[in-house]
Structure formats: structure tokens, C-alpha cells
Amino acid sequence: MVKLRLKRCGRKQAVYRIVAIDARSRREGRDLRKVGFYDPINNQTHLNLPAILDFLDKGAQPTGTVHDISKKAGIFKELPLN
């Protein structure tokens, strides 16, 4: 199963990449694709909407934090319900 999760980057300041990764992999493991960027200190978010929607259509499950970030960006408004 594929999950959309945060991958930590940066040593002193916490900066995260939003990645699509196999659920059995560790947090810093090899990702399938980078689909976004999140900086909690400066409150900046950059999301690749077509890539995220594509993974969600294929059945990827976002983690809680990624779900909250996506919800604030309005991704779930663009996702058609079946």
C-alpha cells in the first residue's frame, strides 16, 4: 500500500517533503515520488496537486498530518466522491 507521508529534511530547522512512499518503508526510506513541501516554521506549503490527486485516485492513504495539510489547501474539494 502507498502512503502520502512527511519526510524530514534539514538538520537544525525542521523542513519536510511530502512524498508518496510504500507503507512498509521507514520515514527516511526511498520514496516513489516527491509531491510537495512543508515548512512549519515559516508556515509555507507547496503541493503538486495533479500528482497528489493521481495517487489518491489510485488508492494512496495520507497520514494524519498530510491529510490536515491537504485539507487546508483544498485538495479534497477537487477529489470526486464515488
PDB file of N, CA and C in Angstrom:
ATOM      1  N   MET A   1       0.843  -1.170   0.000  1.00  0.00           N
ATOM      2  CA  MET A   1       0.000   0.000   0.000  1.00  0.00           C
ATOM      3  C   MET A   1       0.897   1.245   0.000  1.00  0.00           C
ATOM      4  N   VAL A   2       0.463   2.250  -0.709  1.00  0.00           N
ATOM      5  CA  VAL A   2       1.202   3.506  -0.815  1.00  0.00           C
ATOM      6  C   VAL A   2       0.602   4.511   0.156  1.00  0.00           C
ATOM      7  N   LYS A   3       1.481   5.256   0.827  1.00  0.00           N
ATOM      8  CA  LYS A   3       1.044   6.308   1.742  1.00  0.00           C
ATOM      9  C   LYS A   3       1.658   7.627   1.330  1.00  0.00           C
ATOM     10  N   LEU A   4       0.939   8.692   1.591  1.00  0.00           N
ATOM     11  CA  LEU A   4       1.474  10.050   1.448  1.00  0.00           C
ATOM     12  C   LEU A   4       1.905  10.468   2.846  1.00  0.00           C
ATOM     13  N   ARG A   5       3.201  10.677   3.026  1.00  0.00           N
ATOM     14  CA  ARG A   5       3.713  10.991   4.357  1.00  0.00           C
ATOM     15  C   ARG A   5       4.787  12.058   4.292  1.00  0.00           C
ATOM     16  N   LEU A   6       5.165  12.563   5.461  1.00  0.00           N
ATOM     17  CA  LEU A   6       6.200  13.586   5.561  1.00  0.00           C
ATOM     18  C   LEU A   6       7.568  12.927   5.673  1.00  0.00           C
ATOM     19  N   LYS A   7       8.545  13.514   5.013  1.00  0.00           N
ATOM     20  CA  LYS A   7       9.928  13.060   5.074  1.00  0.00           C
ATOM     21  C   LYS A   7      10.762  14.253   5.517  1.00  0.00           C
ATOM     22  N   ARG A   8      11.463  14.102   6.635  1.00  0.00           N
ATOM     23  CA  ARG A   8      12.187  15.233   7.215  1.00  0.00           C
ATOM     24  C   ARG A   8      13.441  15.555   6.417  1.00  0.00           C
ATOM     25  N   CYS A   9      13.667  16.850   6.217  1.00  0.00           N
ATOM     26  CA  CYS A   9      14.877  17.367   5.582  1.00  0.00           C
ATOM     27  C   CYS A   9      15.393  18.490   6.466  1.00  0.00           C
ATOM     28  N   GLY A  10      16.663  18.768   6.381  1.00  0.00           N
ATOM     29  CA  GLY A  10      17.233  19.835   7.197  1.00  0.00           C
ATOM     30  C   GLY A  10      17.644  19.319   8.561  1.00  0.00           C
ATOM     31  N   ARG A  11      18.724  19.861   9.079  1.00  0.00           N
ATOM     32  CA  ARG A  11      19.244  19.383  10.358  1.00  0.00           C
ATOM     33  C   ARG A  11      18.698  20.171  11.534  1.00  0.00           C
ATOM     34  N   LYS A  12      18.940  21.475  11.544  1.00  0.00           N
ATOM     35  CA  LYS A  12      18.543  22.276  12.700  1.00  0.00           C
ATOM     36  C   LYS A  12      17.093  22.737  12.604  1.00  0.00           C
ATOM     37  N   GLN A  13      16.685  23.134  11.424  1.00  0.00           N
ATOM     38  CA  GLN A  13      15.308  23.575  11.232  1.00  0.00           C
ATOM     39  C   GLN A  13      14.529  22.452  10.568  1.00  0.00           C
ATOM     40  N   ALA A  14      13.394  22.138  11.149  1.00  0.00           N
ATOM     41  CA  ALA A  14      12.569  21.067  10.608  1.00  0.00           C
ATOM     42  C   ALA A  14      11.858  21.537   9.349  1.00  0.00           C
ATOM     43  N   VAL A  15      12.182  20.919   8.229  1.00  0.00           N
ATOM     44  CA  VAL A  15      11.529  21.158   6.948  1.00  0.00           C
ATOM     45  C   VAL A  15      11.167  19.782   6.415  1.00  0.00           C
ATOM     46  N   TYR A  16       9.998  19.658   5.833  1.00  0.00           N
ATOM     47  CA  TYR A  16       9.523  18.350   5.414  1.00  0.00           C
ATOM     48  C   TYR A  16       9.171  18.336   3.935  1.00  0.00           C
ATOM     49  N   ARG A  17       9.398  17.206   3.299  1.00  0.00           N
ATOM     50  CA  ARG A  17       8.898  16.936   1.958  1.00  0.00           C
ATOM     51  C   ARG A  17       7.696  16.024   2.099  1.00  0.00           C
ATOM     52  N   ILE A  18       6.712  16.238   1.282  1.00  0.00           N
ATOM     53  CA  ILE A  18       5.567  15.337   1.235  1.00  0.00           C
ATOM     54  C   ILE A  18       5.841  14.362   0.101  1.00  0.00           C
ATOM     55  N   VAL A  19       5.892  13.076   0.435  1.00  0.00           N
ATOM     56  CA  VAL A  19       6.295  12.061  -0.533  1.00  0.00           C
ATOM     57  C   VAL A  19       5.269  10.935  -0.577  1.00  0.00           C
ATOM     58  N   ALA A  20       5.231  10.270  -1.711  1.00  0.00           N
ATOM     59  CA  ALA A  20       4.489   9.023  -1.848  1.00  0.00           C
ATOM     60  C   ALA A  20       5.496   7.909  -1.616  1.00  0.00           C
ATOM     61  N   ILE A  21       5.202   7.030  -0.655  1.00  0.00           N
ATOM     62  CA  ILE A  21       6.161   6.020  -0.243  1.00  0.00           C
ATOM     63  C   ILE A  21       5.407   4.746   0.130  1.00  0.00           C
ATOM     64  N   ASP A  22       6.076   3.612  -0.003  1.00  0.00           N
ATOM     65  CA  ASP A  22       5.493   2.340   0.397  1.00  0.00           C
ATOM     66  C   ASP A  22       5.276   2.360   1.911  1.00  0.00           C
ATOM     67  N   ALA A  23       4.157   1.851   2.375  1.00  0.00           N
ATOM     68  CA  ALA A  23       3.799   1.921   3.792  1.00  0.00           C
ATOM     69  C   ALA A  23       4.770   1.146   4.671  1.00  0.00           C
ATOM     70  N   ARG A  24       5.441   0.159   4.123  1.00  0.00           N
ATOM     71  CA  ARG A  24       6.364  -0.651   4.929  1.00  0.00           C
ATOM     72  C   ARG A  24       7.740  -0.019   5.061  1.00  0.00           C
ATOM     73  N   SER A  25       8.011   1.045   4.303  1.00  0.00           N
ATOM     74  CA  SER A  25       9.313   1.702   4.353  1.00  0.00           C
ATOM     75  C   SER A  25       9.420   2.609   5.570  1.00  0.00           C
ATOM     76  N   ARG A  26      10.651   2.856   5.992  1.00  0.00           N
ATOM     77  CA  ARG A  26      10.857   3.776   7.109  1.00  0.00           C
ATOM     78  C   ARG A  26      10.669   5.211   6.644  1.00  0.00           C
ATOM     79  N   ARG A  27      10.679   6.138   7.580  1.00  0.00           N
ATOM     80  CA  ARG A  27      10.385   7.539   7.253  1.00  0.00           C
ATOM     81  C   ARG A  27      11.383   8.115   6.266  1.00  0.00           C
ATOM     82  N   GLU A  28      12.653   7.787   6.422  1.00  0.00           N
ATOM     83  CA  GLU A  28      13.691   8.326   5.550  1.00  0.00           C
ATOM     84  C   GLU A  28      14.011   7.387   4.392  1.00  0.00           C
ATOM     85  N   GLY A  29      13.148   6.414   4.138  1.00  0.00           N
ATOM     86  CA  GLY A  29      13.397   5.451   3.069  1.00  0.00           C
ATOM     87  C   GLY A  29      13.227   6.051   1.688  1.00  0.00           C
ATOM     88  N   ARG A  30      13.412   5.207   0.692  1.00  0.00           N
ATOM     89  CA  ARG A  30      13.321   5.655  -0.695  1.00  0.00           C
ATOM     90  C   ARG A  30      11.860   5.903  -1.070  1.00  0.00           C
ATOM     91  N   ASP A  31      11.603   7.071  -1.615  1.00  0.00           N
ATOM     92  CA  ASP A  31      10.231   7.426  -1.966  1.00  0.00           C
ATOM     93  C   ASP A  31       9.949   7.117  -3.427  1.00  0.00           C
ATOM     94  N   LEU A  32       8.660   6.973  -3.729  1.00  0.00           N
ATOM     95  CA  LEU A  32       8.232   6.758  -5.107  1.00  0.00           C
ATOM     96  C   LEU A  32       8.254   8.061  -5.884  1.00  0.00           C
ATOM     97  N   ARG A  33       7.786   9.141  -5.234  1.00  0.00           N
ATOM     98  CA  ARG A  33       7.747  10.440  -5.884  1.00  0.00           C
ATOM     99  C   ARG A  33       7.583  11.537  -4.842  1.00  0.00           C
ATOM    100  N   LYS A  34       8.214  12.649  -5.062  1.00  0.00           N
ATOM    101  CA  LYS A  34       8.049  13.820  -4.203  1.00  0.00           C
ATOM    102  C   LYS A  34       6.851  14.615  -4.725  1.00  0.00           C
ATOM    103  N   VAL A  35       5.883  14.872  -3.855  1.00  0.00           N
ATOM    104  CA  VAL A  35       4.663  15.540  -4.307  1.00  0.00           C
ATOM    105  C   VAL A  35       4.402  16.865  -3.603  1.00  0.00           C
ATOM    106  N   GLY A  36       5.299  17.270  -2.698  1.00  0.00           N
ATOM    107  CA  GLY A  36       5.062  18.542  -2.036  1.00  0.00           C
ATOM    108  C   GLY A  36       6.157  18.892  -1.061  1.00  0.00           C
ATOM    109  N   PHE A  37       5.969  20.035  -0.405  1.00  0.00           N
ATOM    110  CA  PHE A  37       6.952  20.600   0.503  1.00  0.00           C
ATOM    111  C   PHE A  37       6.201  21.315   1.619  1.00  0.00           C
ATOM    112  N   TYR A  38       6.672  21.168   2.872  1.00  0.00           N
ATOM    113  CA  TYR A  38       6.012  21.814   4.016  1.00  0.00           C
ATOM    114  C   TYR A  38       7.059  22.356   4.971  1.00  0.00           C
ATOM    115  N   ASP A  39       6.946  23.641   5.283  1.00  0.00           N
ATOM    116  CA  ASP A  39       7.832  24.302   6.236  1.00  0.00           C
ATOM    117  C   ASP A  39       6.976  24.812   7.394  1.00  0.00           C
ATOM    118  N   PRO A  40       6.974  24.126   8.542  1.00  0.00           N
ATOM    119  CA  PRO A  40       6.107  24.546   9.645  1.00  0.00           C
ATOM    120  C   PRO A  40       6.567  25.830  10.338  1.00  0.00           C
ATOM    121  N   ILE A  41       7.855  26.167  10.237  1.00  0.00           N
ATOM    122  CA  ILE A  41       8.360  27.363  10.909  1.00  0.00           C
ATOM    123  C   ILE A  41       7.860  28.619  10.202  1.00  0.00           C
ATOM    124  N   ASN A  42       7.985  28.647   8.875  1.00  0.00           N
ATOM    125  CA  ASN A  42       7.522  29.797   8.095  1.00  0.00           C
ATOM    126  C   ASN A  42       6.097  29.623   7.601  1.00  0.00           C
ATOM    127  N   ASN A  43       5.492  28.476   7.913  1.00  0.00           N
ATOM    128  CA  ASN A  43       4.118  28.151   7.510  1.00  0.00           C
ATOM    129  C   ASN A  43       3.944  28.247   6.000  1.00  0.00           C
ATOM    130  N   GLN A  44       4.870  27.635   5.264  1.00  0.00           N
ATOM    131  CA  GLN A  44       4.809  27.606   3.806  1.00  0.00           C
ATOM    132  C   GLN A  44       4.499  26.191   3.342  1.00  0.00           C
ATOM    133  N   THR A  45       3.679  26.101   2.312  1.00  0.00           N
ATOM    134  CA  THR A  45       3.324  24.807   1.744  1.00  0.00           C
ATOM    135  C   THR A  45       3.340  24.922   0.229  1.00  0.00           C
ATOM    136  N   HIS A  46       3.931  23.938  -0.412  1.00  0.00           N
ATOM    137  CA  HIS A  46       3.898  23.837  -1.869  1.00  0.00           C
ATOM    138  C   HIS A  46       3.469  22.420  -2.207  1.00  0.00           C
ATOM    139  N   LEU A  47       2.372  22.287  -2.939  1.00  0.00           N
ATOM    140  CA  LEU A  47       1.835  20.972  -3.274  1.00  0.00           C
ATOM    141  C   LEU A  47       1.709  20.823  -4.778  1.00  0.00           C
ATOM    142  N   ASN A  48       2.043  19.634  -5.265  1.00  0.00           N
ATOM    143  CA  ASN A  48       1.857  19.282  -6.665  1.00  0.00           C
ATOM    144  C   ASN A  48       0.481  18.616  -6.763  1.00  0.00           C
ATOM    145  N   LEU A  49      -0.548  19.422  -7.002  1.00  0.00           N
ATOM    146  CA  LEU A  49      -1.924  18.934  -6.956  1.00  0.00           C
ATOM    147  C   LEU A  49      -2.209  17.783  -7.917  1.00  0.00           C
ATOM    148  N   PRO A  50      -1.785  17.848  -9.196  1.00  0.00           N
ATOM    149  CA  PRO A  50      -2.085  16.714 -10.079  1.00  0.00           C
ATOM    150  C   PRO A  50      -1.467  15.405  -9.606  1.00  0.00           C
ATOM    151  N   ALA A  51      -0.256  15.458  -9.064  1.00  0.00           N
ATOM    152  CA  ALA A  51       0.395  14.239  -8.588  1.00  0.00           C
ATOM    153  C   ALA A  51      -0.317  13.687  -7.352  1.00  0.00           C
ATOM    154  N   ILE A  52      -0.706  14.566  -6.431  1.00  0.00           N
ATOM    155  CA  ILE A  52      -1.403  14.109  -5.224  1.00  0.00           C
ATOM    156  C   ILE A  52      -2.757  13.510  -5.576  1.00  0.00           C
ATOM    157  N   LEU A  53      -3.502  14.177  -6.454  1.00  0.00           N
ATOM    158  CA  LEU A  53      -4.801  13.648  -6.862  1.00  0.00           C
ATOM    159  C   LEU A  53      -4.661  12.316  -7.586  1.00  0.00           C
ATOM    160  N   ASP A  54      -3.601  12.152  -8.370  1.00  0.00           N
ATOM    161  CA  ASP A  54      -3.355  10.896  -9.068  1.00  0.00           C
ATOM    162  C   ASP A  54      -3.102   9.762  -8.073  1.00  0.00           C
ATOM    163  N   PHE A  55      -2.279  10.022  -7.057  1.00  0.00           N
ATOM    164  CA  PHE A  55      -2.016   8.986  -6.055  1.00  0.00           C
ATOM    165  C   PHE A  55      -3.257   8.673  -5.235  1.00  0.00           C
ATOM    166  N   LEU A  56      -4.056   9.688  -4.905  1.00  0.00           N
ATOM    167  CA  LEU A  56      -5.278   9.444  -4.146  1.00  0.00           C
ATOM    168  C   LEU A  56      -6.287   8.644  -4.971  1.00  0.00           C
ATOM    169  N   ASP A  57      -6.358   8.897  -6.276  1.00  0.00           N
ATOM    170  CA  ASP A  57      -7.238   8.122  -7.148  1.00  0.00           C
ATOM    171  C   ASP A  57      -6.820   6.659  -7.220  1.00  0.00           C
ATOM    172  N   LYS A  58      -5.520   6.428  -7.124  1.00  0.00           N
ATOM    173  CA  LYS A  58      -5.005   5.059  -7.190  1.00  0.00           C
ATOM    174  C   LYS A  58      -5.087   4.337  -5.852  1.00  0.00           C
ATOM    175  N   GLY A  59      -5.533   5.024  -4.796  1.00  0.00           N
ATOM    176  CA  GLY A  59      -5.752   4.368  -3.515  1.00  0.00           C
ATOM    177  C   GLY A  59      -4.732   4.670  -2.439  1.00  0.00           C
ATOM    178  N   ALA A  60      -3.885   5.669  -2.627  1.00  0.00           N
ATOM    179  CA  ALA A  60      -2.906   6.022  -1.603  1.00  0.00           C
ATOM    180  C   ALA A  60      -3.617   6.613  -0.394  1.00  0.00           C
ATOM    181  N   GLN A  61      -3.100   6.318   0.797  1.00  0.00           N
ATOM    182  CA  GLN A  61      -3.683   6.816   2.037  1.00  0.00           C
ATOM    183  C   GLN A  61      -2.777   7.882   2.633  1.00  0.00           C
ATOM    184  N   PRO A  62      -3.283   9.100   2.863  1.00  0.00           N
ATOM    185  CA  PRO A  62      -2.457  10.125   3.508  1.00  0.00           C
ATOM    186  C   PRO A  62      -2.397   9.892   5.018  1.00  0.00           C
ATOM    187  N   THR A  63      -1.266  10.240   5.629  1.00  0.00           N
ATOM    188  CA  THR A  63      -1.182  10.187   7.086  1.00  0.00           C
ATOM    189  C   THR A  63      -1.989  11.345   7.657  1.00  0.00           C
ATOM    190  N   GLY A  64      -2.135  11.386   8.965  1.00  0.00           N
ATOM    191  CA  GLY A  64      -2.956  12.424   9.597  1.00  0.00           C
ATOM    192  C   GLY A  64      -2.482  13.827   9.306  1.00  0.00           C
ATOM    193  N   THR A  65      -1.182  14.051   9.425  1.00  0.00           N
ATOM    194  CA  THR A  65      -0.642  15.396   9.197  1.00  0.00           C
ATOM    195  C   THR A  65      -0.760  15.802   7.739  1.00  0.00           C
ATOM    196  N   VAL A  66      -0.463  14.886   6.832  1.00  0.00           N
ATOM    197  CA  VAL A  66      -0.583  15.192   5.402  1.00  0.00           C
ATOM    198  C   VAL A  66      -2.046  15.430   5.046  1.00  0.00           C
ATOM    199  N   HIS A  67      -2.953  14.713   5.679  1.00  0.00           N
ATOM    200  CA  HIS A  67      -4.379  14.919   5.441  1.00  0.00           C
ATOM    201  C   HIS A  67      -4.784  16.327   5.864  1.00  0.00           C
ATOM    202  N   ASP A  68      -4.298  16.780   7.024  1.00  0.00           N
ATOM    203  CA  ASP A  68      -4.617  18.127   7.502  1.00  0.00           C
ATOM    204  C   ASP A  68      -4.047  19.205   6.581  1.00  0.00           C
ATOM    205  N   ILE A  69      -2.806  19.016   6.127  1.00  0.00           N
ATOM    206  CA  ILE A  69      -2.181  19.974   5.215  1.00  0.00           C
ATOM    207  C   ILE A  69      -2.954  20.028   3.901  1.00  0.00           C
ATOM    208  N   SER A  70      -3.352  18.873   3.389  1.00  0.00           N
ATOM    209  CA  SER A  70      -4.097  18.810   2.136  1.00  0.00           C
ATOM    210  C   SER A  70      -5.480  19.431   2.284  1.00  0.00           C
ATOM    211  N   LYS A  71      -6.077  19.230   3.438  1.00  0.00           N
ATOM    212  CA  LYS A  71      -7.410  19.785   3.688  1.00  0.00           C
ATOM    213  C   LYS A  71      -7.372  21.307   3.688  1.00  0.00           C
ATOM    214  N   LYS A  72      -6.321  21.888   4.300  1.00  0.00           N
ATOM    215  CA  LYS A  72      -6.176  23.344   4.310  1.00  0.00           C
ATOM    216  C   LYS A  72      -5.968  23.881   2.897  1.00  0.00           C
ATOM    217  N   ALA A  73      -5.306  23.098   2.048  1.00  0.00           N
ATOM    218  CA  ALA A  73      -5.056  23.530   0.671  1.00  0.00           C
ATOM    219  C   ALA A  73      -6.267  23.303  -0.228  1.00  0.00           C
ATOM    220  N   GLY A  74      -7.272  22.589   0.236  1.00  0.00           N
ATOM    221  CA  GLY A  74      -8.489  22.383  -0.543  1.00  0.00           C
ATOM    222  C   GLY A  74      -8.394  21.273  -1.566  1.00  0.00           C
ATOM    223  N   ILE A  75      -7.545  20.293  -1.326  1.00  0.00           N
ATOM    224  CA  ILE A  75      -7.392  19.193  -2.286  1.00  0.00           C
ATOM    225  C   ILE A  75      -8.642  18.324  -2.327  1.00  0.00           C
ATOM    226  N   PHE A  76      -9.274  18.104  -1.183  1.00  0.00           N
ATOM    227  CA  PHE A  76     -10.403  17.184  -1.137  1.00  0.00           C
ATOM    228  C   PHE A  76     -11.659  17.773  -1.766  1.00  0.00           C
ATOM    229  N   LYS A  77     -11.666  19.079  -2.013  1.00  0.00           N
ATOM    230  CA  LYS A  77     -12.770  19.674  -2.763  1.00  0.00           C
ATOM    231  C   LYS A  77     -12.686  19.301  -4.229  1.00  0.00           C
ATOM    232  N   GLU A  78     -11.438  19.087  -4.726  1.00  0.00           N
ATOM    233  CA  GLU A  78     -11.242  18.753  -6.120  1.00  0.00           C
ATOM    234  C   GLU A  78     -11.354  17.259  -6.401  1.00  0.00           C
ATOM    235  N   LEU A  79     -11.341  16.439  -5.334  1.00  0.00           N
ATOM    236  CA  LEU A  79     -11.399  14.988  -5.489  1.00  0.00           C
ATOM    237  C   LEU A  79     -12.846  14.563  -5.608  1.00  0.00           C
ATOM    238  N   PRO A  80     -13.232  13.925  -6.715  1.00  0.00           N
ATOM    239  CA  PRO A  80     -14.616  13.499  -6.868  1.00  0.00           C
ATOM    240  C   PRO A  80     -14.921  12.307  -5.958  1.00  0.00           C
ATOM    241  N   LEU A  81     -16.088  12.337  -5.329  1.00  0.00           N
ATOM    242  CA  LEU A  81     -16.511  11.222  -4.479  1.00  0.00           C
ATOM    243  C   LEU A  81     -17.220  10.177  -5.306  1.00  0.00           C
ATOM    244  N   ASN A  82     -16.968   8.916  -4.992  1.00  0.00           N
ATOM    245  CA  ASN A  82     -17.612   7.822  -5.750  1.00  0.00           C
ATOM    246  C   ASN A  82     -18.896   7.422  -5.100  1.00  0.00           C
TER     247      ASN A  82
END
